[in-house]
Amino acid sequence: MIRHLLSVNDLDRDTATAVLDTATRMADTAGREVKKLPTLRGRTVVNLFYEDSTRTRISFEAAAKRLSADVINFSAKGSSVSKGESLKDTALTLQAMGADAVVIRHSASGAPHRLAGWIDGTVINAGDGTHEHPTQALLDAYSMRARLGRIAGLKVAIVGDVLHSRVARSNVHLLHTLGAHVTLVAPPTLLPVGVDAWPADVSFDLDAVLPASDVVMMLRVQRERMTDSYFPSEREYARRYGLDAVRARALPDHAIVMHPGPMNRGMEIAPEVADSARSTIVEQVANGVSVRMAVLYLMLGGLA
């Protein structure tokens, strides 16, 4: 198994499949009376979060605790970071404390790569700027496979704010590695420079893409990262690129609807679609714990 998980490009098809297969076994423990496994007893996992997070931080914490690891939660707010401490100094502090793994979320793209060069332990990228979010892509792939029975050959539409989305970047590359066909759907202003080099098709017309899609993944419009006006209004965006009940009816009967969360209900996705039988949004949260257990198990368990 790889030493660090900084990007989905660190995973080849066999390694990614091994993670998904291991996650399936980890999910079986959720139904037990005693959910804990002794695999990582004596290991220390640090959650180093420089950005606000609910799902990812709690998911990693739950995953580590179910594997019996000791967990230290570090939040930049209320720490020495607010006094000006650098990422490197924080890394050296964690190194001195004997951290076996550091799960990092940071607003700066590339921060996990820098951290990996400063500490001896394993580094797992929990989201860096607009760059990548590898474990989110893994749990999305796991959710697709759990619902549809396969990933290879699936037609996946990723819709919305691709420009600011680390989830989109990671999903495009991982799904391509696993044999899916991805189409990005967004207004031109929300597509990054160089998107033509990505292993995905690009469309500006959501209605044309939906009838042939097995999976529709809606992305949140990340207003906190926007410094300019990328579309005329929220109403106009919802009209052109929002998934409402009418558009959902154009999907094939077996198709599923995904969202990495948190959602802007009524903007990129209508409440009735988010809560429908097609939706895997709640399942994605549960699957996240199993996938992150698998990642920690494979990356740290083999070191015992």
C-alpha atoms as a PDB file:
ATOM      1  CA  MET A   1       0.000   0.000   0.000  1.00  0.00           C
ATOM      2  CA  ILE A   2       1.133   3.585  -0.647  1.00  0.00           C
ATOM      3  CA  ARG A   3       2.686   5.568   2.220  1.00  0.00           C
ATOM      4  CA  HIS A   4       0.681   8.783   1.726  1.00  0.00           C
ATOM      5  CA  LEU A   5      -2.698   9.509   0.122  1.00  0.00           C
ATOM      6  CA  LEU A   6      -2.232  12.996  -1.297  1.00  0.00           C
ATOM      7  CA  SER A   7      -4.010  12.605  -4.638  1.00  0.00           C
ATOM      8  CA  VAL A   8      -6.174  10.036  -6.411  1.00  0.00           C
ATOM      9  CA  ASN A   9      -3.352   9.855  -8.932  1.00  0.00           C
ATOM     10  CA  ASP A  10      -1.449   7.966  -6.210  1.00  0.00           C
ATOM     11  CA  LEU A  11      -3.914   5.098  -6.770  1.00  0.00           C
ATOM     12  CA  ASP A  12      -3.815   2.674  -9.673  1.00  0.00           C
ATOM     13  CA  ARG A  13      -6.839   0.534 -10.498  1.00  0.00           C
ATOM     14  CA  ASP A  14      -5.755  -2.404  -8.320  1.00  0.00           C
ATOM     15  CA  THR A  15      -5.019  -0.231  -5.279  1.00  0.00           C
ATOM     16  CA  ALA A  16      -8.276   1.713  -5.586  1.00  0.00           C
ATOM     17  CA  THR A  17     -10.230  -1.540  -5.960  1.00  0.00           C
ATOM     18  CA  ALA A  18      -8.480  -2.950  -2.888  1.00  0.00           C
ATOM     19  CA  VAL A  19      -9.647   0.072  -0.885  1.00  0.00           C
ATOM     20  CA  LEU A  20     -13.245  -0.385  -2.075  1.00  0.00           C
ATOM     21  CA  ASP A  21     -13.182  -4.125  -1.342  1.00  0.00           C
ATOM     22  CA  THR A  22     -11.766  -3.499   2.131  1.00  0.00           C
ATOM     23  CA  ALA A  23     -14.434  -0.845   2.745  1.00  0.00           C
ATOM     24  CA  THR A  24     -17.102  -3.465   2.005  1.00  0.00           C
ATOM     25  CA  ARG A  25     -15.688  -5.631   4.778  1.00  0.00           C
ATOM     26  CA  MET A  26     -15.462  -2.639   7.106  1.00  0.00           C
ATOM     27  CA  ALA A  27     -19.122  -1.815   6.438  1.00  0.00           C
ATOM     28  CA  ASP A  28     -20.070  -5.252   7.757  1.00  0.00           C
ATOM     29  CA  THR A  29     -18.781  -4.244  11.205  1.00  0.00           C
ATOM     30  CA  ALA A  30     -21.372  -1.469  11.428  1.00  0.00           C
ATOM     31  CA  GLY A  31     -24.079  -4.072  11.992  1.00  0.00           C
ATOM     32  CA  ARG A  32     -22.286  -5.686  14.915  1.00  0.00           C
ATOM     33  CA  GLU A  33     -23.125  -5.034  18.555  1.00  0.00           C
ATOM     34  CA  VAL A  34     -19.462  -4.172  19.146  1.00  0.00           C
ATOM     35  CA  LYS A  35     -18.315  -2.077  16.207  1.00  0.00           C
ATOM     36  CA  LYS A  36     -14.663  -1.702  17.188  1.00  0.00           C
ATOM     37  CA  LEU A  37     -11.727  -3.580  15.691  1.00  0.00           C
ATOM     38  CA  PRO A  38      -8.342  -3.785  17.482  1.00  0.00           C
ATOM     39  CA  THR A  39      -6.307  -3.196  14.311  1.00  0.00           C
ATOM     40  CA  LEU A  40      -4.812   0.217  15.137  1.00  0.00           C
ATOM     41  CA  ARG A  41      -4.570  -0.081  18.913  1.00  0.00           C
ATOM     42  CA  GLY A  42      -1.595   1.985  20.064  1.00  0.00           C
ATOM     43  CA  ARG A  43      -1.539   4.128  16.898  1.00  0.00           C
ATOM     44  CA  THR A  44      -2.143   7.868  17.001  1.00  0.00           C
ATOM     45  CA  VAL A  45      -4.159   9.629  14.301  1.00  0.00           C
ATOM     46  CA  VAL A  46      -4.241  13.443  14.236  1.00  0.00           C
ATOM     47  CA  ASN A  47      -7.050  15.302  12.477  1.00  0.00           C
ATOM     48  CA  LEU A  48      -5.400  18.575  11.434  1.00  0.00           C
ATOM     49  CA  PHE A  49      -8.151  20.841  10.103  1.00  0.00           C
ATOM     50  CA  TYR A  50      -7.453  24.390   8.975  1.00  0.00           C
ATOM     51  CA  GLU A  51     -10.909  24.725   7.367  1.00  0.00           C
ATOM     52  CA  ASP A  52     -14.387  24.229   8.789  1.00  0.00           C
ATOM     53  CA  SER A  53     -15.714  20.717   8.328  1.00  0.00           C
ATOM     54  CA  THR A  54     -18.477  18.551   9.733  1.00  0.00           C
ATOM     55  CA  ARG A  55     -18.798  15.382   7.646  1.00  0.00           C
ATOM     56  CA  THR A  56     -15.147  14.769   6.830  1.00  0.00           C
ATOM     57  CA  ARG A  57     -13.713  15.476  10.279  1.00  0.00           C
ATOM     58  CA  ILE A  58     -16.330  13.433  12.127  1.00  0.00           C
ATOM     59  CA  SER A  59     -16.043  10.658   9.543  1.00  0.00           C
ATOM     60  CA  PHE A  60     -12.271  10.353   9.970  1.00  0.00           C
ATOM     61  CA  GLU A  61     -12.627  10.508  13.746  1.00  0.00           C
ATOM     62  CA  ALA A  62     -15.251   7.763  13.760  1.00  0.00           C
ATOM     63  CA  ALA A  63     -13.182   5.631  11.379  1.00  0.00           C
ATOM     64  CA  ALA A  64     -10.027   5.890  13.505  1.00  0.00           C
ATOM     65  CA  LYS A  65     -11.888   5.187  16.750  1.00  0.00           C
ATOM     66  CA  ARG A  66     -13.622   2.124  15.294  1.00  0.00           C
ATOM     67  CA  LEU A  67     -10.143   0.802  14.499  1.00  0.00           C
ATOM     68  CA  SER A  68      -9.137   1.488  18.154  1.00  0.00           C
ATOM     69  CA  ALA A  69      -6.640   4.238  17.299  1.00  0.00           C
ATOM     70  CA  ASP A  70      -5.990   7.164  19.632  1.00  0.00           C
ATOM     71  CA  VAL A  71      -7.412  10.306  17.998  1.00  0.00           C
ATOM     72  CA  ILE A  72      -6.263  13.893  18.463  1.00  0.00           C
ATOM     73  CA  ASN A  73      -8.457  16.582  16.913  1.00  0.00           C
ATOM     74  CA  PHE A  74      -6.626  19.795  16.014  1.00  0.00           C
ATOM     75  CA  SER A  75      -8.541  22.875  14.903  1.00  0.00           C
ATOM     76  CA  ALA A  76      -6.726  25.956  13.667  1.00  0.00           C
ATOM     77  CA  LYS A  77      -9.231  28.138  15.503  1.00  0.00           C
ATOM     78  CA  GLY A  78      -8.167  28.524  19.123  1.00  0.00           C
ATOM     79  CA  SER A  79      -4.695  27.063  18.506  1.00  0.00           C
ATOM     80  CA  SER A  80      -1.223  28.595  18.122  1.00  0.00           C
ATOM     81  CA  VAL A  81      -2.026  29.022  14.418  1.00  0.00           C
ATOM     82  CA  SER A  82      -4.041  32.086  15.427  1.00  0.00           C
ATOM     83  CA  LYS A  83      -0.824  33.408  16.984  1.00  0.00           C
ATOM     84  CA  GLY A  84       1.061  33.016  13.725  1.00  0.00           C
ATOM     85  CA  GLU A  85       2.449  29.481  13.981  1.00  0.00           C
ATOM     86  CA  SER A  86       3.344  28.103  10.540  1.00  0.00           C
ATOM     87  CA  LEU A  87       2.257  24.778   9.082  1.00  0.00           C
ATOM     88  CA  LYS A  88       5.853  23.548   9.333  1.00  0.00           C
ATOM     89  CA  ASP A  89       6.106  24.362  13.039  1.00  0.00           C
ATOM     90  CA  THR A  90       2.776  22.645  13.660  1.00  0.00           C
ATOM     91  CA  ALA A  91       4.051  19.633  11.701  1.00  0.00           C
ATOM     92  CA  LEU A  92       7.216  19.442  13.803  1.00  0.00           C
ATOM     93  CA  THR A  93       5.089  19.576  16.959  1.00  0.00           C
ATOM     94  CA  LEU A  94       2.998  16.640  15.724  1.00  0.00           C
ATOM     95  CA  GLN A  95       6.180  14.782  14.799  1.00  0.00           C
ATOM     96  CA  ALA A  96       7.519  15.262  18.331  1.00  0.00           C
ATOM     97  CA  MET A  97       4.261  13.891  19.723  1.00  0.00           C
ATOM     98  CA  GLY A  98       4.676  10.696  17.704  1.00  0.00           C
ATOM     99  CA  ALA A  99       1.732  10.994  15.312  1.00  0.00           C
ATOM    100  CA  ASP A 100       1.474   7.869  13.146  1.00  0.00           C
ATOM    101  CA  ALA A 101      -0.916   9.515  10.689  1.00  0.00           C
ATOM    102  CA  VAL A 102      -2.028  13.069  10.042  1.00  0.00           C
ATOM    103  CA  VAL A 103      -5.309  13.760   8.256  1.00  0.00           C
ATOM    104  CA  ILE A 104      -5.063  17.320   6.933  1.00  0.00           C
ATOM    105  CA  ARG A 105      -7.558  19.763   5.471  1.00  0.00           C
ATOM    106  CA  HIS A 106      -6.135  23.097   4.386  1.00  0.00           C
ATOM    107  CA  SER A 107      -7.246  26.072   2.329  1.00  0.00           C
ATOM    108  CA  ALA A 108      -3.959  26.093   0.390  1.00  0.00           C
ATOM    109  CA  SER A 109      -3.633  23.671  -2.513  1.00  0.00           C
ATOM    110  CA  GLY A 110      -0.519  21.549  -2.030  1.00  0.00           C
ATOM    111  CA  ALA A 111      -0.360  21.818   1.772  1.00  0.00           C
ATOM    112  CA  PRO A 112      -0.570  18.004   2.298  1.00  0.00           C
ATOM    113  CA  HIS A 113       2.380  17.523  -0.092  1.00  0.00           C
ATOM    114  CA  ARG A 114       4.478  19.956   1.971  1.00  0.00           C
ATOM    115  CA  LEU A 115       3.442  18.270   5.206  1.00  0.00           C
ATOM    116  CA  ALA A 116       4.472  14.851   3.864  1.00  0.00           C
ATOM    117  CA  GLY A 117       8.011  16.159   3.465  1.00  0.00           C
ATOM    118  CA  TRP A 118       8.244  17.330   7.076  1.00  0.00           C
ATOM    119  CA  ILE A 119       6.998  14.362   9.115  1.00  0.00           C
ATOM    120  CA  ASP A 120       7.754  10.641   9.241  1.00  0.00           C
ATOM    121  CA  GLY A 121       4.139   9.527   9.611  1.00  0.00           C
ATOM    122  CA  THR A 122       1.481   8.906   6.988  1.00  0.00           C
ATOM    123  CA  VAL A 123      -0.301  11.942   5.520  1.00  0.00           C
ATOM    124  CA  ILE A 124      -3.870  11.711   4.222  1.00  0.00           C
ATOM    125  CA  ASN A 125      -5.322  14.599   2.232  1.00  0.00           C
ATOM    126  CA  ALA A 126      -8.802  15.497   3.497  1.00  0.00           C
ATOM    127  CA  GLY A 127      -9.121  18.371   1.030  1.00  0.00           C
ATOM    128  CA  ASP A 128      -6.594  21.015  -0.005  1.00  0.00           C
ATOM    129  CA  GLY A 129      -7.906  24.257  -1.469  1.00  0.00           C
ATOM    130  CA  THR A 130      -9.461  23.664  -4.871  1.00  0.00           C
ATOM    131  CA  HIS A 131      -7.018  20.833  -5.624  1.00  0.00           C
ATOM    132  CA  GLU A 132      -8.163  17.386  -4.460  1.00  0.00           C
ATOM    133  CA  HIS A 133     -10.206  15.374  -1.964  1.00  0.00           C
ATOM    134  CA  PRO A 134      -9.164  11.730  -2.505  1.00  0.00           C
ATOM    135  CA  THR A 135     -11.265   9.995   0.178  1.00  0.00           C
ATOM    136  CA  GLN A 136     -14.419  11.774  -1.034  1.00  0.00           C
ATOM    137  CA  ALA A 137     -13.813  10.363  -4.515  1.00  0.00           C
ATOM    138  CA  LEU A 138     -13.258   6.899  -3.035  1.00  0.00           C
ATOM    139  CA  LEU A 139     -16.495   7.009  -1.039  1.00  0.00           C
ATOM    140  CA  ASP A 140     -18.378   8.283  -4.088  1.00  0.00           C
ATOM    141  CA  ALA A 141     -17.022   5.386  -6.159  1.00  0.00           C
ATOM    142  CA  TYR A 142     -17.928   2.981  -3.349  1.00  0.00           C
ATOM    143  CA  SER A 143     -21.484   4.396  -3.253  1.00  0.00           C
ATOM    144  CA  MET A 144     -21.860   3.961  -7.013  1.00  0.00           C
ATOM    145  CA  ARG A 145     -20.676   0.372  -6.844  1.00  0.00           C
ATOM    146  CA  ALA A 146     -22.934  -0.397  -3.877  1.00  0.00           C
ATOM    147  CA  ARG A 147     -26.037   0.895  -5.695  1.00  0.00           C
ATOM    148  CA  LEU A 148     -25.306  -0.079  -9.303  1.00  0.00           C
ATOM    149  CA  GLY A 149     -23.042  -3.103  -8.855  1.00  0.00           C
ATOM    150  CA  ARG A 150     -20.167  -1.761 -10.949  1.00  0.00           C
ATOM    151  CA  ILE A 151     -18.144   1.305 -11.862  1.00  0.00           C
ATOM    152  CA  ALA A 152     -16.587   0.326 -15.180  1.00  0.00           C
ATOM    153  CA  GLY A 153     -18.755   1.504 -18.060  1.00  0.00           C
ATOM    154  CA  LEU A 154     -20.950   3.832 -16.007  1.00  0.00           C
ATOM    155  CA  LYS A 155     -21.825   7.213 -17.499  1.00  0.00           C
ATOM    156  CA  VAL A 156     -21.353   9.813 -14.772  1.00  0.00           C
ATOM    157  CA  ALA A 157     -22.406  13.461 -15.089  1.00  0.00           C
ATOM    158  CA  ILE A 158     -20.709  15.864 -12.655  1.00  0.00           C
ATOM    159  CA  VAL A 159     -22.722  19.084 -12.612  1.00  0.00           C
ATOM    160  CA  GLY A 160     -22.059  22.549 -11.250  1.00  0.00           C
ATOM    161  CA  ASP A 161     -19.155  24.512  -9.811  1.00  0.00           C
ATOM    162  CA  VAL A 162     -16.290  22.480 -11.270  1.00  0.00           C
ATOM    163  CA  LEU A 163     -13.929  25.462 -11.100  1.00  0.00           C
ATOM    164  CA  HIS A 164     -13.765  25.546  -7.300  1.00  0.00           C
ATOM    165  CA  SER A 165     -14.442  21.847  -6.658  1.00  0.00           C
ATOM    166  CA  ARG A 166     -11.691  19.572  -5.362  1.00  0.00           C
ATOM    167  CA  VAL A 167     -14.340  16.816  -5.324  1.00  0.00           C
ATOM    168  CA  ALA A 168     -14.815  17.128  -9.087  1.00  0.00           C
ATOM    169  CA  ARG A 169     -11.081  16.927  -9.787  1.00  0.00           C
ATOM    170  CA  SER A 170     -10.606  13.829  -7.673  1.00  0.00           C
ATOM    171  CA  ASN A 171     -13.720  12.107  -9.005  1.00  0.00           C
ATOM    172  CA  VAL A 172     -12.836  12.698 -12.660  1.00  0.00           C
ATOM    173  CA  HIS A 173      -9.433  11.056 -12.308  1.00  0.00           C
ATOM    174  CA  LEU A 174     -10.493   8.187 -10.024  1.00  0.00           C
ATOM    175  CA  LEU A 175     -13.571   7.281 -12.072  1.00  0.00           C
ATOM    176  CA  HIS A 176     -11.463   7.347 -15.248  1.00  0.00           C
ATOM    177  CA  THR A 177      -8.984   4.984 -13.558  1.00  0.00           C
ATOM    178  CA  LEU A 178     -11.852   2.647 -12.634  1.00  0.00           C
ATOM    179  CA  GLY A 179     -13.304   2.643 -16.167  1.00  0.00           C
ATOM    180  CA  ALA A 180     -16.241   5.050 -15.941  1.00  0.00           C
ATOM    181  CA  HIS A 181     -17.055   7.701 -18.553  1.00  0.00           C
ATOM    182  CA  VAL A 182     -17.365  11.184 -17.038  1.00  0.00           C
ATOM    183  CA  THR A 183     -19.058  14.277 -18.460  1.00  0.00           C
ATOM    184  CA  LEU A 184     -18.640  17.666 -16.778  1.00  0.00           C
ATOM    185  CA  VAL A 185     -21.663  19.940 -17.046  1.00  0.00           C
ATOM    186  CA  ALA A 186     -21.304  23.594 -16.082  1.00  0.00           C
ATOM    187  CA  PRO A 187     -21.506  27.136 -17.387  1.00  0.00           C
ATOM    188  CA  PRO A 188     -18.256  28.182 -19.098  1.00  0.00           C
ATOM    189  CA  THR A 189     -17.431  30.540 -16.219  1.00  0.00           C
ATOM    190  CA  LEU A 190     -17.374  27.621 -13.748  1.00  0.00           C
ATOM    191  CA  LEU A 191     -14.966  25.428 -15.707  1.00  0.00           C
ATOM    192  CA  PRO A 192     -11.220  25.659 -14.980  1.00  0.00           C
ATOM    193  CA  VAL A 193      -8.552  26.581 -17.499  1.00  0.00           C
ATOM    194  CA  GLY A 194      -7.132  23.398 -19.016  1.00  0.00           C
ATOM    195  CA  VAL A 195     -10.252  21.292 -18.451  1.00  0.00           C
ATOM    196  CA  ASP A 196      -9.878  19.983 -22.013  1.00  0.00           C
ATOM    197  CA  ALA A 197      -6.879  17.980 -20.790  1.00  0.00           C
ATOM    198  CA  TRP A 198      -8.946  16.180 -18.145  1.00  0.00           C
ATOM    199  CA  PRO A 199     -10.125  12.628 -18.958  1.00  0.00           C
ATOM    200  CA  ALA A 200     -13.732  13.785 -19.297  1.00  0.00           C
ATOM    201  CA  ASP A 201     -16.152  15.272 -21.813  1.00  0.00           C
ATOM    202  CA  VAL A 202     -17.550  18.773 -21.297  1.00  0.00           C
ATOM    203  CA  SER A 203     -21.117  19.951 -21.901  1.00  0.00           C
ATOM    204  CA  PHE A 204     -22.993  23.192 -21.221  1.00  0.00           C
ATOM    205  CA  ASP A 205     -26.426  21.570 -21.606  1.00  0.00           C
ATOM    206  CA  LEU A 206     -27.670  19.579 -18.594  1.00  0.00           C
ATOM    207  CA  ASP A 207     -30.924  18.520 -20.276  1.00  0.00           C
ATOM    208  CA  ALA A 208     -29.011  16.889 -23.134  1.00  0.00           C
ATOM    209  CA  VAL A 209     -26.824  14.841 -20.777  1.00  0.00           C
ATOM    210  CA  LEU A 210     -29.377  13.530 -18.260  1.00  0.00           C
ATOM    211  CA  PRO A 211     -31.198  10.862 -20.374  1.00  0.00           C
ATOM    212  CA  ALA A 212     -27.976   8.879 -20.903  1.00  0.00           C
ATOM    213  CA  SER A 213     -26.571   9.229 -17.362  1.00  0.00           C
ATOM    214  CA  ASP A 214     -26.319   6.396 -14.853  1.00  0.00           C
ATOM    215  CA  VAL A 215     -25.110   8.765 -12.129  1.00  0.00           C
ATOM    216  CA  VAL A 216     -25.672  12.495 -11.663  1.00  0.00           C
ATOM    217  CA  MET A 217     -23.383  14.139  -9.130  1.00  0.00           C
ATOM    218  CA  MET A 218     -24.446  17.657  -8.195  1.00  0.00           C
ATOM    219  CA  LEU A 219     -21.786  20.025  -6.875  1.00  0.00           C
ATOM    220  CA  ARG A 220     -22.329  22.808  -4.376  1.00  0.00           C
ATOM    221  CA  VAL A 221     -21.859  26.340  -5.632  1.00  0.00           C
ATOM    222  CA  GLN A 222     -18.957  27.428  -3.408  1.00  0.00           C
ATOM    223  CA  ARG A 223     -19.846  31.030  -2.802  1.00  0.00           C
ATOM    224  CA  GLU A 224     -17.186  31.347  -0.082  1.00  0.00           C
ATOM    225  CA  ARG A 225     -14.462  30.883  -2.731  1.00  0.00           C
ATOM    226  CA  MET A 226     -15.990  33.253  -5.264  1.00  0.00           C
ATOM    227  CA  THR A 227     -14.580  36.753  -5.667  1.00  0.00           C
ATOM    228  CA  ASP A 228     -16.384  37.580  -8.920  1.00  0.00           C
ATOM    229  CA  SER A 229     -19.822  37.126 -10.445  1.00  0.00           C
ATOM    230  CA  TYR A 230     -19.786  33.763 -12.236  1.00  0.00           C
ATOM    231  CA  PHE A 231     -23.475  33.711 -13.217  1.00  0.00           C
ATOM    232  CA  PRO A 232     -26.263  36.321 -13.411  1.00  0.00           C
ATOM    233  CA  SER A 233     -28.272  35.176 -10.374  1.00  0.00           C
ATOM    234  CA  GLU A 234     -29.039  32.156  -8.211  1.00  0.00           C
ATOM    235  CA  ARG A 235     -32.434  31.837  -9.889  1.00  0.00           C
ATOM    236  CA  GLU A 236     -30.808  31.776 -13.331  1.00  0.00           C
ATOM    237  CA  TYR A 237     -28.276  29.179 -12.201  1.00  0.00           C
ATOM    238  CA  ALA A 238     -31.006  26.952 -10.766  1.00  0.00           C
ATOM    239  CA  ARG A 239     -33.012  27.276 -13.980  1.00  0.00           C
ATOM    240  CA  ARG A 240     -30.100  26.189 -16.190  1.00  0.00           C
ATOM    241  CA  TYR A 241     -28.127  23.818 -13.968  1.00  0.00           C
ATOM    242  CA  GLY A 242     -30.307  22.866 -11.011  1.00  0.00           C
ATOM    243  CA  LEU A 243     -31.652  19.312 -10.696  1.00  0.00           C
ATOM    244  CA  ASP A 244     -35.382  19.612 -10.021  1.00  0.00           C
ATOM    245  CA  ALA A 245     -38.134  17.001 -10.118  1.00  0.00           C
ATOM    246  CA  VAL A 246     -38.885  17.620 -13.806  1.00  0.00           C
ATOM    247  CA  ARG A 247     -35.266  17.065 -14.827  1.00  0.00           C
ATOM    248  CA  ALA A 248     -34.964  14.024 -12.533  1.00  0.00           C
ATOM    249  CA  ARG A 249     -37.782  12.349 -14.469  1.00  0.00           C
ATOM    250  CA  ALA A 250     -35.603  12.470 -17.584  1.00  0.00           C
ATOM    251  CA  LEU A 251     -33.084  10.120 -15.953  1.00  0.00           C
ATOM    252  CA  PRO A 252     -33.115   6.370 -16.667  1.00  0.00           C
ATOM    253  CA  ASP A 253     -35.074   4.360 -14.082  1.00  0.00           C
ATOM    254  CA  HIS A 254     -31.909   2.916 -12.502  1.00  0.00           C
ATOM    255  CA  ALA A 255     -29.993   6.211 -12.309  1.00  0.00           C
ATOM    256  CA  ILE A 256     -28.872   7.628  -8.971  1.00  0.00           C
ATOM    257  CA  VAL A 257     -28.363  11.179  -7.704  1.00  0.00           C
ATOM    258  CA  MET A 258     -25.336  12.103  -5.592  1.00  0.00           C
ATOM    259  CA  HIS A 259     -24.067  15.182  -3.746  1.00  0.00           C
ATOM    260  CA  PRO A 260     -20.882  15.478  -1.632  1.00  0.00           C
ATOM    261  CA  GLY A 261     -22.575  17.921   0.762  1.00  0.00           C
ATOM    262  CA  PRO A 262     -23.310  20.320   2.216  1.00  0.00           C
ATOM    263  CA  MET A 263     -26.178  21.139  -0.130  1.00  0.00           C
ATOM    264  CA  ASN A 264     -27.744  24.410  -1.220  1.00  0.00           C
ATOM    265  CA  ARG A 265     -31.279  23.057  -1.356  1.00  0.00           C
ATOM    266  CA  GLY A 266     -33.322  24.796  -4.007  1.00  0.00           C
ATOM    267  CA  MET A 267     -30.258  25.953  -5.924  1.00  0.00           C
ATOM    268  CA  GLU A 268     -28.225  23.089  -7.372  1.00  0.00           C
ATOM    269  CA  ILE A 269     -30.700  20.456  -6.189  1.00  0.00           C
ATOM    270  CA  ALA A 270     -34.389  20.561  -5.308  1.00  0.00           C
ATOM    271  CA  PRO A 271     -35.425  19.215  -1.877  1.00  0.00           C
ATOM    272  CA  GLU A 272     -37.735  16.591  -3.387  1.00  0.00           C
ATOM    273  CA  VAL A 273     -34.853  15.206  -5.474  1.00  0.00           C
ATOM    274  CA  ALA A 274     -32.379  15.256  -2.584  1.00  0.00           C
ATOM    275  CA  ASP A 275     -34.835  13.253  -0.472  1.00  0.00           C
ATOM    276  CA  SER A 276     -35.983  10.878  -3.226  1.00  0.00           C
ATOM    277  CA  ALA A 277     -35.326   7.153  -3.577  1.00  0.00           C
ATOM    278  CA  ARG A 278     -32.738   7.931  -6.263  1.00  0.00           C
ATOM    279  CA  SER A 279     -30.640   9.916  -3.805  1.00  0.00           C
ATOM    280  CA  THR A 280     -27.548   8.386  -2.201  1.00  0.00           C
ATOM    281  CA  ILE A 281     -26.676  11.501  -0.183  1.00  0.00           C
ATOM    282  CA  VAL A 282     -27.267   9.993   3.275  1.00  0.00           C
ATOM    283  CA  GLU A 283     -25.656   6.719   2.190  1.00  0.00           C
ATOM    284  CA  GLN A 284     -22.548   8.643   1.123  1.00  0.00           C
ATOM    285  CA  VAL A 285     -22.091   9.878   4.699  1.00  0.00           C
ATOM    286  CA  ALA A 286     -22.330   6.342   6.113  1.00  0.00           C
ATOM    287  CA  ASN A 287     -20.094   4.955   3.371  1.00  0.00           C
ATOM    288  CA  GLY A 288     -17.511   7.624   4.168  1.00  0.00           C
ATOM    289  CA  VAL A 289     -16.778   6.020   7.531  1.00  0.00           C
ATOM    290  CA  SER A 290     -16.275   2.580   5.961  1.00  0.00           C
ATOM    291  CA  VAL A 291     -14.010   3.928   3.201  1.00  0.00           C
ATOM    292  CA  ARG A 292     -11.893   5.950   5.632  1.00  0.00           C
ATOM    293  CA  MET A 293     -11.611   2.909   7.903  1.00  0.00           C
ATOM    294  CA  ALA A 294     -10.313   1.001   4.883  1.00  0.00           C
ATOM    295  CA  VAL A 295      -7.770   3.725   4.052  1.00  0.00           C
ATOM    296  CA  LEU A 296      -6.461   3.887   7.635  1.00  0.00           C
ATOM    297  CA  TYR A 297      -6.414   0.103   7.921  1.00  0.00           C
ATOM    298  CA  LEU A 298      -4.469  -0.429   4.701  1.00  0.00           C
ATOM    299  CA  MET A 299      -2.041   2.445   5.289  1.00  0.00           C
ATOM    300  CA  LEU A 300      -1.339   1.881   8.995  1.00  0.00           C
ATOM    301  CA  GLY A 301      -2.393  -1.691   9.721  1.00  0.00           C
ATOM    302  CA  GLY A 302       0.359  -3.116   7.530  1.00  0.00           C
ATOM    303  CA  LEU A 303       2.990  -1.296   9.559  1.00  0.00           C
ATOM    304  CA  ALA A 304       2.367  -3.335  12.681  1.00  0.00           C
END
